[in-house]
Amino acid sequence: MPGLFLSLEGIDGSGKSTQGQMLAQALRSREHAVTLTREPGGSPGAEEIRRLVLEGDPDRWSAETEILLFTAARRDHLEKTIRPALARDEVVICDRFADSTRIFQGVTRGDLRQTVDRLHALMIGVEPDLTLLFDLDPALGLARATARKGSEMRFEDMGLGFQTRARAGFLDLARSHPARFRVIDAAPAAEDVARSVLAAVLPALR
């Protein structure tokens, strides 16, 4: 596929959604066509699934059921949004992609990583060209995430231990795929983080 596919990953409260918006604005100011999207969601069907998995009681779904729901949403997102944008030679910035499922369902709540990877290979078969991992102390991330409140708090409600395991899983994943990942310190002010993000992305655009 032409275009450039970027994914943004990290624990809850790491600031990746804000940084995605800032990156999209910076790239558009440089005359790049950009599609800014998110997971779960990013297409009408996937947004319906988003409400199912992000709202409600933390024990609403098992990890195995979540893997199926997230993969179904991702397939629709890929068909309806990501592939068409890449075919138009756009930069796609996706707030979460398959790595989130590898960590949140595959690692933190059991040993399901192989299940996630097999289903991903069968139904998705696409990895981002570049993944930015926003790394942050889990206690700070959880404090940020809970402060914003809202209805989509199901994973935040799983607590600090869950976020701590997720951070460790993301860092392990980054070490395993150094060519694709860039780890960004998410603790500084948003403007400072944005400069680090742009420095990581611009070489890929060239």
N, C-alpha and C. Protein backbone atom coordinates (compact mmCIF):
# COMPACT_ATOMS: atom_id res chain seq x y z
N MET A 1 0.84 -1.19 0.00
CA MET A 1 0.00 0.00 0.00
C MET A 1 0.88 1.25 0.00
N PRO A 2 0.53 2.27 -0.79
CA PRO A 2 1.24 3.54 -0.71
C PRO A 2 0.86 4.28 0.56
N GLY A 3 1.25 5.55 0.67
CA GLY A 3 0.95 6.30 1.88
C GLY A 3 1.85 5.88 3.02
N LEU A 4 1.59 6.39 4.20
CA LEU A 4 2.36 6.05 5.40
C LEU A 4 1.39 5.77 6.53
N PHE A 5 1.54 4.63 7.17
CA PHE A 5 0.64 4.18 8.22
C PHE A 5 1.35 4.30 9.56
N LEU A 6 0.90 5.23 10.41
CA LEU A 6 1.46 5.43 11.74
C LEU A 6 0.45 5.00 12.80
N SER A 7 0.93 4.30 13.82
CA SER A 7 0.06 3.99 14.96
C SER A 7 0.65 4.61 16.22
N LEU A 8 -0.24 4.99 17.13
CA LEU A 8 0.13 5.58 18.42
C LEU A 8 -0.32 4.63 19.52
N GLU A 9 0.61 4.23 20.37
CA GLU A 9 0.30 3.26 21.42
C GLU A 9 0.75 3.78 22.78
N GLY A 10 0.24 3.16 23.82
CA GLY A 10 0.62 3.52 25.17
C GLY A 10 -0.49 3.20 26.14
N ILE A 11 -0.18 3.31 27.42
CA ILE A 11 -1.19 3.04 28.45
C ILE A 11 -2.21 4.18 28.45
N ASP A 12 -3.30 3.97 29.15
CA ASP A 12 -4.32 5.01 29.27
C ASP A 12 -3.74 6.23 29.97
N GLY A 13 -4.06 7.42 29.45
CA GLY A 13 -3.57 8.65 30.03
C GLY A 13 -2.19 9.06 29.57
N SER A 14 -1.63 8.38 28.58
CA SER A 14 -0.28 8.70 28.12
C SER A 14 -0.24 9.88 27.16
N GLY A 15 -1.40 10.39 26.75
CA GLY A 15 -1.43 11.59 25.93
C GLY A 15 -1.39 11.35 24.44
N LYS A 16 -1.55 10.11 24.01
CA LYS A 16 -1.41 9.83 22.59
C LYS A 16 -2.52 10.45 21.74
N SER A 17 -3.72 10.56 22.27
CA SER A 17 -4.80 11.18 21.48
C SER A 17 -4.50 12.65 21.22
N THR A 18 -4.04 13.36 22.25
CA THR A 18 -3.65 14.76 22.08
C THR A 18 -2.50 14.88 21.10
N GLN A 19 -1.52 13.99 21.23
CA GLN A 19 -0.37 14.05 20.33
C GLN A 19 -0.75 13.69 18.90
N GLY A 20 -1.73 12.81 18.74
CA GLY A 20 -2.20 12.51 17.39
C GLY A 20 -2.79 13.73 16.71
N GLN A 21 -3.56 14.49 17.47
CA GLN A 21 -4.15 15.73 16.92
C GLN A 21 -3.08 16.75 16.58
N MET A 22 -2.09 16.90 17.46
CA MET A 22 -1.01 17.86 17.22
C MET A 22 -0.16 17.43 16.02
N LEU A 23 0.09 16.13 15.89
CA LEU A 23 0.87 15.64 14.76
C LEU A 23 0.12 15.84 13.46
N ALA A 24 -1.17 15.54 13.45
CA ALA A 24 -1.96 15.74 12.23
C ALA A 24 -1.92 17.20 11.79
N GLN A 25 -2.04 18.12 12.75
CA GLN A 25 -2.00 19.54 12.42
C GLN A 25 -0.62 19.93 11.86
N ALA A 26 0.44 19.42 12.49
CA ALA A 26 1.79 19.74 12.03
C ALA A 26 2.05 19.22 10.62
N LEU A 27 1.57 18.02 10.33
CA LEU A 27 1.80 17.45 9.00
C LEU A 27 0.95 18.16 7.94
N ARG A 28 -0.28 18.52 8.29
CA ARG A 28 -1.11 19.26 7.34
C ARG A 28 -0.51 20.62 7.03
N SER A 29 0.13 21.24 8.02
CA SER A 29 0.78 22.52 7.77
C SER A 29 1.96 22.37 6.82
N ARG A 30 2.47 21.13 6.70
CA ARG A 30 3.54 20.83 5.75
C ARG A 30 2.98 20.26 4.45
N GLU A 31 1.68 20.41 4.26
CA GLU A 31 0.98 20.05 3.03
C GLU A 31 0.89 18.55 2.79
N HIS A 32 0.89 17.77 3.87
CA HIS A 32 0.61 16.34 3.77
C HIS A 32 -0.89 16.11 3.96
N ALA A 33 -1.46 15.23 3.16
CA ALA A 33 -2.84 14.80 3.39
C ALA A 33 -2.84 13.78 4.53
N VAL A 34 -3.69 14.00 5.53
CA VAL A 34 -3.67 13.20 6.74
C VAL A 34 -5.07 12.68 7.05
N THR A 35 -5.15 11.40 7.41
CA THR A 35 -6.36 10.83 8.00
C THR A 35 -6.04 10.49 9.45
N LEU A 36 -6.72 11.15 10.37
CA LEU A 36 -6.56 10.88 11.80
C LEU A 36 -7.72 10.01 12.25
N THR A 37 -7.42 8.84 12.78
CA THR A 37 -8.47 7.90 13.13
C THR A 37 -8.13 7.22 14.45
N ARG A 38 -8.97 6.30 14.90
CA ARG A 38 -8.78 5.71 16.21
C ARG A 38 -9.31 4.29 16.25
N GLU A 39 -8.83 3.56 17.28
CA GLU A 39 -9.36 2.23 17.56
C GLU A 39 -9.64 2.08 19.05
N PRO A 40 -10.66 1.29 19.40
CA PRO A 40 -11.65 0.77 18.46
C PRO A 40 -12.48 1.91 17.89
N GLY A 41 -12.86 1.76 16.65
CA GLY A 41 -13.61 2.80 15.96
C GLY A 41 -13.00 3.12 14.62
N GLY A 42 -13.28 4.33 14.13
CA GLY A 42 -12.70 4.77 12.88
C GLY A 42 -13.54 4.50 11.65
N SER A 43 -14.62 3.76 11.83
CA SER A 43 -15.59 3.52 10.77
C SER A 43 -16.94 3.35 11.46
N PRO A 44 -18.05 3.54 10.75
CA PRO A 44 -19.35 3.46 11.44
C PRO A 44 -19.57 2.14 12.19
N GLY A 45 -19.25 1.03 11.55
CA GLY A 45 -19.44 -0.26 12.22
C GLY A 45 -18.53 -0.43 13.42
N ALA A 46 -17.27 -0.01 13.26
CA ALA A 46 -16.32 -0.15 14.36
C ALA A 46 -16.67 0.76 15.53
N GLU A 47 -17.26 1.92 15.25
CA GLU A 47 -17.67 2.80 16.34
C GLU A 47 -18.80 2.17 17.17
N GLU A 48 -19.65 1.38 16.53
CA GLU A 48 -20.69 0.68 17.28
C GLU A 48 -20.06 -0.34 18.24
N ILE A 49 -19.03 -1.03 17.76
CA ILE A 49 -18.35 -2.00 18.62
C ILE A 49 -17.61 -1.28 19.74
N ARG A 50 -17.09 -0.08 19.46
CA ARG A 50 -16.38 0.69 20.49
C ARG A 50 -17.23 0.86 21.74
N ARG A 51 -18.48 1.18 21.56
CA ARG A 51 -19.35 1.38 22.72
C ARG A 51 -19.50 0.09 23.54
N LEU A 52 -19.47 -1.03 22.85
CA LEU A 52 -19.61 -2.31 23.55
C LEU A 52 -18.41 -2.62 24.44
N VAL A 53 -17.21 -2.29 23.95
CA VAL A 53 -16.01 -2.73 24.66
C VAL A 53 -15.44 -1.70 25.63
N LEU A 54 -15.78 -0.42 25.47
CA LEU A 54 -15.19 0.60 26.34
C LEU A 54 -16.12 1.09 27.44
N GLU A 55 -17.39 0.73 27.37
CA GLU A 55 -18.33 1.17 28.39
C GLU A 55 -18.80 -0.02 29.22
N GLY A 56 -19.25 0.27 30.41
CA GLY A 56 -19.83 -0.77 31.26
C GLY A 56 -18.87 -1.32 32.29
N ASP A 57 -19.28 -2.40 32.94
CA ASP A 57 -18.53 -3.02 34.01
C ASP A 57 -17.21 -3.60 33.49
N PRO A 58 -16.11 -3.52 34.26
CA PRO A 58 -14.85 -4.12 33.82
C PRO A 58 -14.95 -5.61 33.49
N ASP A 59 -15.85 -6.32 34.16
CA ASP A 59 -16.00 -7.75 33.93
C ASP A 59 -17.06 -8.08 32.87
N ARG A 60 -17.45 -7.09 32.10
CA ARG A 60 -18.52 -7.31 31.12
C ARG A 60 -18.15 -8.37 30.10
N TRP A 61 -16.89 -8.37 29.64
CA TRP A 61 -16.44 -9.32 28.63
C TRP A 61 -15.20 -10.05 29.12
N SER A 62 -15.05 -11.29 28.70
CA SER A 62 -13.79 -11.99 28.93
C SER A 62 -12.75 -11.48 27.93
N ALA A 63 -11.48 -11.72 28.22
CA ALA A 63 -10.42 -11.31 27.30
C ALA A 63 -10.60 -11.97 25.94
N GLU A 64 -11.04 -13.23 25.93
CA GLU A 64 -11.22 -13.94 24.66
C GLU A 64 -12.31 -13.28 23.81
N THR A 65 -13.41 -12.90 24.45
CA THR A 65 -14.49 -12.23 23.71
C THR A 65 -14.02 -10.88 23.20
N GLU A 66 -13.26 -10.17 24.02
CA GLU A 66 -12.74 -8.87 23.59
C GLU A 66 -11.85 -9.00 22.35
N ILE A 67 -11.03 -10.03 22.30
CA ILE A 67 -10.16 -10.23 21.13
C ILE A 67 -11.00 -10.32 19.86
N LEU A 68 -12.10 -11.05 19.92
CA LEU A 68 -12.97 -11.19 18.75
C LEU A 68 -13.64 -9.87 18.40
N LEU A 69 -14.10 -9.14 19.41
CA LEU A 69 -14.76 -7.86 19.16
C LEU A 69 -13.79 -6.84 18.57
N PHE A 70 -12.60 -6.73 19.16
CA PHE A 70 -11.62 -5.78 18.66
C PHE A 70 -11.17 -6.13 17.24
N THR A 71 -11.02 -7.42 16.96
CA THR A 71 -10.60 -7.82 15.62
C THR A 71 -11.68 -7.53 14.60
N ALA A 72 -12.94 -7.74 14.97
CA ALA A 72 -14.04 -7.41 14.05
C ALA A 72 -14.06 -5.91 13.76
N ALA A 73 -13.90 -5.10 14.81
CA ALA A 73 -13.86 -3.65 14.61
C ALA A 73 -12.68 -3.26 13.73
N ARG A 74 -11.52 -3.87 13.98
CA ARG A 74 -10.31 -3.54 13.21
C ARG A 74 -10.47 -3.91 11.73
N ARG A 75 -11.09 -5.03 11.46
CA ARG A 75 -11.28 -5.44 10.07
C ARG A 75 -12.15 -4.41 9.33
N ASP A 76 -13.23 -3.98 9.95
CA ASP A 76 -14.09 -2.99 9.32
C ASP A 76 -13.37 -1.66 9.14
N HIS A 77 -12.61 -1.26 10.15
CA HIS A 77 -11.81 -0.04 10.10
C HIS A 77 -10.80 -0.09 8.95
N LEU A 78 -10.14 -1.23 8.83
CA LEU A 78 -9.15 -1.41 7.77
C LEU A 78 -9.78 -1.29 6.39
N GLU A 79 -10.93 -1.95 6.22
CA GLU A 79 -11.61 -1.94 4.92
C GLU A 79 -12.16 -0.57 4.56
N LYS A 80 -12.77 0.10 5.53
CA LYS A 80 -13.55 1.31 5.24
C LYS A 80 -12.73 2.59 5.33
N THR A 81 -11.66 2.59 6.13
CA THR A 81 -10.94 3.84 6.40
C THR A 81 -9.46 3.77 6.06
N ILE A 82 -8.74 2.80 6.63
CA ILE A 82 -7.28 2.81 6.53
C ILE A 82 -6.81 2.53 5.11
N ARG A 83 -7.25 1.43 4.52
CA ARG A 83 -6.79 1.10 3.16
C ARG A 83 -7.17 2.17 2.13
N PRO A 84 -8.40 2.70 2.14
CA PRO A 84 -8.71 3.76 1.18
C PRO A 84 -7.83 5.00 1.35
N ALA A 85 -7.52 5.38 2.59
CA ALA A 85 -6.67 6.56 2.80
C ALA A 85 -5.25 6.31 2.32
N LEU A 86 -4.71 5.13 2.60
CA LEU A 86 -3.37 4.81 2.12
C LEU A 86 -3.33 4.76 0.59
N ALA A 87 -4.40 4.27 -0.01
CA ALA A 87 -4.46 4.22 -1.47
C ALA A 87 -4.48 5.62 -2.08
N ARG A 88 -4.94 6.60 -1.30
CA ARG A 88 -4.90 8.00 -1.75
C ARG A 88 -3.56 8.66 -1.42
N ASP A 89 -2.60 7.85 -0.96
CA ASP A 89 -1.26 8.33 -0.62
C ASP A 89 -1.28 9.29 0.57
N GLU A 90 -2.18 9.05 1.53
CA GLU A 90 -2.27 9.89 2.71
C GLU A 90 -1.42 9.31 3.85
N VAL A 91 -1.14 10.16 4.82
CA VAL A 91 -0.57 9.70 6.09
C VAL A 91 -1.73 9.33 7.00
N VAL A 92 -1.78 8.09 7.42
CA VAL A 92 -2.81 7.62 8.35
C VAL A 92 -2.21 7.60 9.75
N ILE A 93 -2.81 8.36 10.66
CA ILE A 93 -2.41 8.37 12.07
C ILE A 93 -3.51 7.68 12.85
N CYS A 94 -3.20 6.53 13.41
CA CYS A 94 -4.22 5.72 14.09
C CYS A 94 -3.92 5.65 15.59
N ASP A 95 -4.85 6.17 16.37
CA ASP A 95 -4.76 6.13 17.83
C ASP A 95 -5.14 4.72 18.28
N ARG A 96 -4.13 3.90 18.48
CA ARG A 96 -4.18 2.46 18.78
C ARG A 96 -4.41 1.63 17.52
N PHE A 97 -3.78 0.46 17.52
CA PHE A 97 -4.01 -0.54 16.47
C PHE A 97 -3.79 -1.91 17.12
N ALA A 98 -3.27 -2.86 16.38
CA ALA A 98 -3.22 -4.24 16.87
C ALA A 98 -2.34 -4.41 18.11
N ASP A 99 -1.32 -3.58 18.28
CA ASP A 99 -0.46 -3.73 19.45
C ASP A 99 -1.25 -3.57 20.75
N SER A 100 -2.28 -2.73 20.75
CA SER A 100 -3.10 -2.59 21.95
C SER A 100 -3.81 -3.90 22.29
N THR A 101 -4.30 -4.60 21.27
CA THR A 101 -4.94 -5.90 21.52
C THR A 101 -3.91 -6.92 22.00
N ARG A 102 -2.71 -6.87 21.42
CA ARG A 102 -1.64 -7.78 21.86
C ARG A 102 -1.34 -7.60 23.34
N ILE A 103 -1.43 -6.36 23.83
CA ILE A 103 -1.09 -6.09 25.22
C ILE A 103 -2.32 -6.19 26.12
N PHE A 104 -3.38 -5.43 25.84
CA PHE A 104 -4.51 -5.36 26.76
C PHE A 104 -5.27 -6.68 26.87
N GLN A 105 -5.37 -7.42 25.78
CA GLN A 105 -6.04 -8.72 25.85
C GLN A 105 -5.05 -9.88 25.85
N GLY A 106 -3.94 -9.74 25.15
CA GLY A 106 -3.02 -10.87 24.98
C GLY A 106 -2.08 -11.10 26.13
N VAL A 107 -1.76 -10.05 26.91
CA VAL A 107 -0.74 -10.17 27.94
C VAL A 107 -1.27 -9.87 29.34
N THR A 108 -1.99 -8.75 29.51
CA THR A 108 -2.31 -8.28 30.86
C THR A 108 -3.34 -9.15 31.57
N ARG A 109 -4.15 -9.88 30.83
CA ARG A 109 -5.24 -10.62 31.46
C ARG A 109 -5.15 -12.12 31.19
N GLY A 110 -3.96 -12.59 30.86
CA GLY A 110 -3.77 -14.00 30.60
C GLY A 110 -2.74 -14.20 29.52
N ASP A 111 -2.48 -15.45 29.18
CA ASP A 111 -1.48 -15.78 28.17
C ASP A 111 -2.19 -16.05 26.84
N LEU A 112 -2.63 -14.96 26.19
CA LEU A 112 -3.42 -15.08 24.97
C LEU A 112 -2.73 -14.44 23.77
N ARG A 113 -1.45 -14.14 23.89
CA ARG A 113 -0.74 -13.43 22.82
C ARG A 113 -0.76 -14.22 21.51
N GLN A 114 -0.55 -15.53 21.57
CA GLN A 114 -0.55 -16.32 20.34
C GLN A 114 -1.92 -16.31 19.68
N THR A 115 -2.97 -16.31 20.48
CA THR A 115 -4.33 -16.23 19.92
C THR A 115 -4.52 -14.92 19.18
N VAL A 116 -4.09 -13.82 19.80
CA VAL A 116 -4.19 -12.51 19.15
C VAL A 116 -3.42 -12.50 17.83
N ASP A 117 -2.20 -13.00 17.85
CA ASP A 117 -1.37 -12.96 16.65
C ASP A 117 -1.91 -13.84 15.53
N ARG A 118 -2.45 -15.01 15.88
CA ARG A 118 -3.02 -15.87 14.84
C ARG A 118 -4.24 -15.22 14.20
N LEU A 119 -5.10 -14.64 15.02
CA LEU A 119 -6.30 -14.00 14.48
C LEU A 119 -5.92 -12.76 13.67
N HIS A 120 -4.91 -12.03 14.13
CA HIS A 120 -4.45 -10.86 13.38
C HIS A 120 -3.92 -11.28 12.01
N ALA A 121 -3.12 -12.33 11.97
CA ALA A 121 -2.57 -12.79 10.69
C ALA A 121 -3.68 -13.25 9.74
N LEU A 122 -4.71 -13.87 10.28
CA LEU A 122 -5.80 -14.39 9.46
C LEU A 122 -6.71 -13.30 8.95
N MET A 123 -7.05 -12.31 9.79
CA MET A 123 -8.10 -11.36 9.45
C MET A 123 -7.60 -9.94 9.14
N ILE A 124 -6.39 -9.58 9.57
CA ILE A 124 -5.91 -8.22 9.37
C ILE A 124 -4.69 -8.21 8.45
N GLY A 125 -3.61 -8.84 8.86
CA GLY A 125 -2.45 -9.00 8.00
C GLY A 125 -1.69 -7.73 7.68
N VAL A 126 -1.88 -6.67 8.44
CA VAL A 126 -1.23 -5.39 8.20
C VAL A 126 -0.60 -4.90 9.49
N GLU A 127 0.63 -4.39 9.40
CA GLU A 127 1.27 -3.71 10.53
C GLU A 127 1.55 -2.27 10.13
N PRO A 128 1.57 -1.34 11.08
CA PRO A 128 1.93 0.04 10.76
C PRO A 128 3.37 0.13 10.23
N ASP A 129 3.63 1.16 9.45
CA ASP A 129 5.01 1.42 9.02
C ASP A 129 5.85 1.91 10.19
N LEU A 130 5.23 2.65 11.10
CA LEU A 130 5.92 3.22 12.25
C LEU A 130 4.95 3.28 13.42
N THR A 131 5.42 2.88 14.60
CA THR A 131 4.61 2.92 15.81
C THR A 131 5.30 3.78 16.84
N LEU A 132 4.60 4.78 17.35
CA LEU A 132 5.10 5.62 18.42
C LEU A 132 4.51 5.14 19.74
N LEU A 133 5.37 4.75 20.65
CA LEU A 133 4.94 4.28 21.97
C LEU A 133 5.15 5.41 22.97
N PHE A 134 4.06 5.92 23.53
CA PHE A 134 4.12 6.99 24.51
C PHE A 134 4.27 6.37 25.90
N ASP A 135 5.47 6.50 26.45
CA ASP A 135 5.80 5.82 27.70
C ASP A 135 5.62 6.76 28.87
N LEU A 136 4.92 6.29 29.90
CA LEU A 136 4.60 7.12 31.06
C LEU A 136 4.46 6.25 32.29
N ASP A 137 4.82 6.80 33.44
CA ASP A 137 4.61 6.09 34.71
C ASP A 137 3.13 5.74 34.83
N PRO A 138 2.80 4.48 35.13
CA PRO A 138 1.39 4.08 35.15
C PRO A 138 0.54 4.85 36.16
N ALA A 139 1.10 5.21 37.31
CA ALA A 139 0.31 5.96 38.30
C ALA A 139 -0.07 7.33 37.76
N LEU A 140 0.86 7.99 37.08
CA LEU A 140 0.57 9.29 36.49
C LEU A 140 -0.44 9.15 35.36
N GLY A 141 -0.27 8.13 34.52
CA GLY A 141 -1.21 7.92 33.43
C GLY A 141 -2.62 7.66 33.93
N LEU A 142 -2.74 6.83 34.97
CA LEU A 142 -4.06 6.52 35.50
C LEU A 142 -4.69 7.76 36.13
N ALA A 143 -3.88 8.58 36.80
CA ALA A 143 -4.41 9.81 37.38
C ALA A 143 -4.93 10.74 36.29
N ARG A 144 -4.17 10.86 35.20
CA ARG A 144 -4.62 11.69 34.08
C ARG A 144 -5.91 11.14 33.48
N ALA A 145 -5.95 9.82 33.29
CA ALA A 145 -7.10 9.20 32.63
C ALA A 145 -8.36 9.32 33.47
N THR A 146 -8.25 9.11 34.77
CA THR A 146 -9.44 9.18 35.62
C THR A 146 -9.91 10.62 35.81
N ALA A 147 -9.00 11.58 35.69
CA ALA A 147 -9.38 12.99 35.85
C ALA A 147 -10.28 13.46 34.73
N ARG A 148 -10.14 12.87 33.54
CA ARG A 148 -10.96 13.33 32.41
C ARG A 148 -12.36 12.75 32.45
N LYS A 149 -12.56 11.69 33.22
CA LYS A 149 -13.86 11.05 33.42
C LYS A 149 -14.50 10.67 32.08
N GLY A 150 -15.85 10.63 32.02
CA GLY A 150 -16.53 10.20 30.81
C GLY A 150 -17.06 8.79 30.96
N SER A 151 -17.71 8.31 29.90
CA SER A 151 -18.36 6.99 29.95
C SER A 151 -17.43 5.86 29.54
N GLU A 152 -16.32 6.18 28.83
CA GLU A 152 -15.43 5.13 28.32
C GLU A 152 -14.30 4.88 29.31
N MET A 153 -14.64 4.32 30.46
CA MET A 153 -13.68 4.15 31.54
C MET A 153 -13.48 2.69 31.92
N ARG A 154 -13.92 1.77 31.08
CA ARG A 154 -13.90 0.37 31.48
C ARG A 154 -12.48 -0.13 31.77
N PHE A 155 -11.52 0.20 30.93
CA PHE A 155 -10.16 -0.29 31.14
C PHE A 155 -9.45 0.48 32.25
N GLU A 156 -9.73 1.78 32.38
CA GLU A 156 -9.18 2.53 33.51
C GLU A 156 -9.65 1.95 34.84
N ASP A 157 -10.89 1.47 34.86
CA ASP A 157 -11.44 0.92 36.09
C ASP A 157 -10.80 -0.42 36.48
N MET A 158 -9.97 -0.98 35.61
CA MET A 158 -9.27 -2.22 35.96
C MET A 158 -8.09 -1.97 36.89
N GLY A 159 -7.72 -0.70 37.08
CA GLY A 159 -6.79 -0.35 38.15
C GLY A 159 -5.33 -0.23 37.75
N LEU A 160 -4.53 0.14 38.76
CA LEU A 160 -3.11 0.44 38.55
C LEU A 160 -2.32 -0.80 38.15
N GLY A 161 -2.63 -1.94 38.75
CA GLY A 161 -1.91 -3.16 38.40
C GLY A 161 -2.05 -3.50 36.93
N PHE A 162 -3.25 -3.31 36.40
CA PHE A 162 -3.50 -3.57 34.97
C PHE A 162 -2.65 -2.63 34.11
N GLN A 163 -2.63 -1.33 34.47
CA GLN A 163 -1.86 -0.37 33.69
C GLN A 163 -0.36 -0.64 33.80
N THR A 164 0.09 -1.08 34.95
CA THR A 164 1.51 -1.41 35.13
C THR A 164 1.92 -2.58 34.26
N ARG A 165 1.10 -3.60 34.20
CA ARG A 165 1.40 -4.75 33.34
C ARG A 165 1.36 -4.33 31.87
N ALA A 166 0.43 -3.43 31.54
CA ALA A 166 0.33 -2.97 30.16
C ALA A 166 1.59 -2.22 29.75
N ARG A 167 2.08 -1.34 30.62
CA ARG A 167 3.30 -0.59 30.28
C ARG A 167 4.46 -1.55 30.04
N ALA A 168 4.63 -2.52 30.92
CA ALA A 168 5.73 -3.48 30.75
C ALA A 168 5.58 -4.25 29.44
N GLY A 169 4.35 -4.60 29.10
CA GLY A 169 4.11 -5.33 27.86
C GLY A 169 4.44 -4.49 26.63
N PHE A 170 4.05 -3.22 26.65
CA PHE A 170 4.36 -2.34 25.53
C PHE A 170 5.87 -2.17 25.35
N LEU A 171 6.59 -1.99 26.45
CA LEU A 171 8.04 -1.81 26.36
C LEU A 171 8.71 -3.08 25.85
N ASP A 172 8.23 -4.25 26.27
CA ASP A 172 8.75 -5.51 25.74
C ASP A 172 8.50 -5.61 24.23
N LEU A 173 7.32 -5.20 23.81
CA LEU A 173 6.98 -5.25 22.40
C LEU A 173 7.89 -4.32 21.59
N ALA A 174 8.16 -3.13 22.13
CA ALA A 174 9.03 -2.19 21.44
C ALA A 174 10.45 -2.75 21.31
N ARG A 175 10.93 -3.41 22.35
CA ARG A 175 12.26 -4.01 22.28
C ARG A 175 12.31 -5.14 21.26
N SER A 176 11.18 -5.82 21.08
CA SER A 176 11.14 -6.94 20.13
C SER A 176 11.05 -6.47 18.68
N HIS A 177 10.59 -5.24 18.46
CA HIS A 177 10.41 -4.73 17.09
C HIS A 177 11.03 -3.33 16.98
N PRO A 178 12.36 -3.25 17.14
CA PRO A 178 13.00 -1.93 17.16
C PRO A 178 12.91 -1.17 15.85
N ALA A 179 12.77 -1.86 14.73
CA ALA A 179 12.69 -1.17 13.44
C ALA A 179 11.38 -0.42 13.28
N ARG A 180 10.33 -0.89 13.93
CA ARG A 180 9.01 -0.27 13.79
C ARG A 180 8.70 0.71 14.91
N PHE A 181 9.19 0.48 16.10
CA PHE A 181 8.82 1.29 17.26
C PHE A 181 9.78 2.45 17.50
N ARG A 182 9.21 3.55 17.97
CA ARG A 182 9.97 4.65 18.54
C ARG A 182 9.33 4.95 19.90
N VAL A 183 10.10 4.89 20.96
CA VAL A 183 9.58 5.14 22.30
C VAL A 183 9.71 6.62 22.61
N ILE A 184 8.60 7.25 22.97
CA ILE A 184 8.53 8.68 23.25
C ILE A 184 8.27 8.88 24.74
N ASP A 185 9.09 9.70 25.40
CA ASP A 185 8.85 10.04 26.80
C ASP A 185 7.62 10.95 26.86
N ALA A 186 6.55 10.45 27.48
CA ALA A 186 5.28 11.19 27.50
C ALA A 186 5.12 12.05 28.74
N ALA A 187 6.14 12.13 29.61
CA ALA A 187 6.01 12.89 30.85
C ALA A 187 6.12 14.41 30.67
N PRO A 188 6.96 14.93 29.75
CA PRO A 188 7.09 16.39 29.61
C PRO A 188 5.80 17.06 29.15
N ALA A 189 5.86 18.39 29.05
CA ALA A 189 4.72 19.16 28.56
C ALA A 189 4.37 18.73 27.14
N ALA A 190 3.10 18.90 26.79
CA ALA A 190 2.60 18.42 25.50
C ALA A 190 3.40 18.98 24.32
N GLU A 191 3.80 20.25 24.40
CA GLU A 191 4.55 20.87 23.31
C GLU A 191 5.92 20.22 23.14
N ASP A 192 6.56 19.86 24.25
CA ASP A 192 7.86 19.19 24.19
C ASP A 192 7.72 17.78 23.62
N VAL A 193 6.67 17.08 24.04
CA VAL A 193 6.42 15.74 23.50
C VAL A 193 6.16 15.83 21.99
N ALA A 194 5.41 16.83 21.57
CA ALA A 194 5.09 17.00 20.15
C ALA A 194 6.34 17.19 19.32
N ARG A 195 7.34 17.89 19.86
CA ARG A 195 8.60 18.05 19.12
C ARG A 195 9.31 16.71 18.96
N SER A 196 9.28 15.89 20.00
CA SER A 196 9.89 14.56 19.90
C SER A 196 9.15 13.69 18.88
N VAL A 197 7.84 13.81 18.87
CA VAL A 197 7.02 13.05 17.91
C VAL A 197 7.38 13.44 16.48
N LEU A 198 7.43 14.73 16.22
CA LEU A 198 7.72 15.20 14.87
C LEU A 198 9.11 14.77 14.43
N ALA A 199 10.07 14.80 15.35
CA ALA A 199 11.42 14.36 15.02
C ALA A 199 11.46 12.87 14.67
N ALA A 200 10.58 12.08 15.28
CA ALA A 200 10.53 10.65 14.97
C ALA A 200 9.82 10.36 13.66
N VAL A 201 8.85 11.21 13.29
CA VAL A 201 8.02 10.93 12.12
C VAL A 201 8.61 11.47 10.83
N LEU A 202 9.20 12.63 10.86
CA LEU A 202 9.67 13.28 9.62
C LEU A 202 10.63 12.42 8.81
N PRO A 203 11.59 11.71 9.44
CA PRO A 203 12.45 10.85 8.62
C PRO A 203 11.70 9.77 7.85
N ALA A 204 10.61 9.27 8.43
CA ALA A 204 9.81 8.26 7.73
C ALA A 204 9.11 8.85 6.51
N LEU A 205 8.75 10.13 6.60
CA LEU A 205 8.09 10.78 5.47
C LEU A 205 9.08 11.04 4.34
N ARG A 206 10.33 11.27 4.67
CA ARG A 206 11.32 11.48 3.63
C ARG A 206 11.69 10.18 2.91
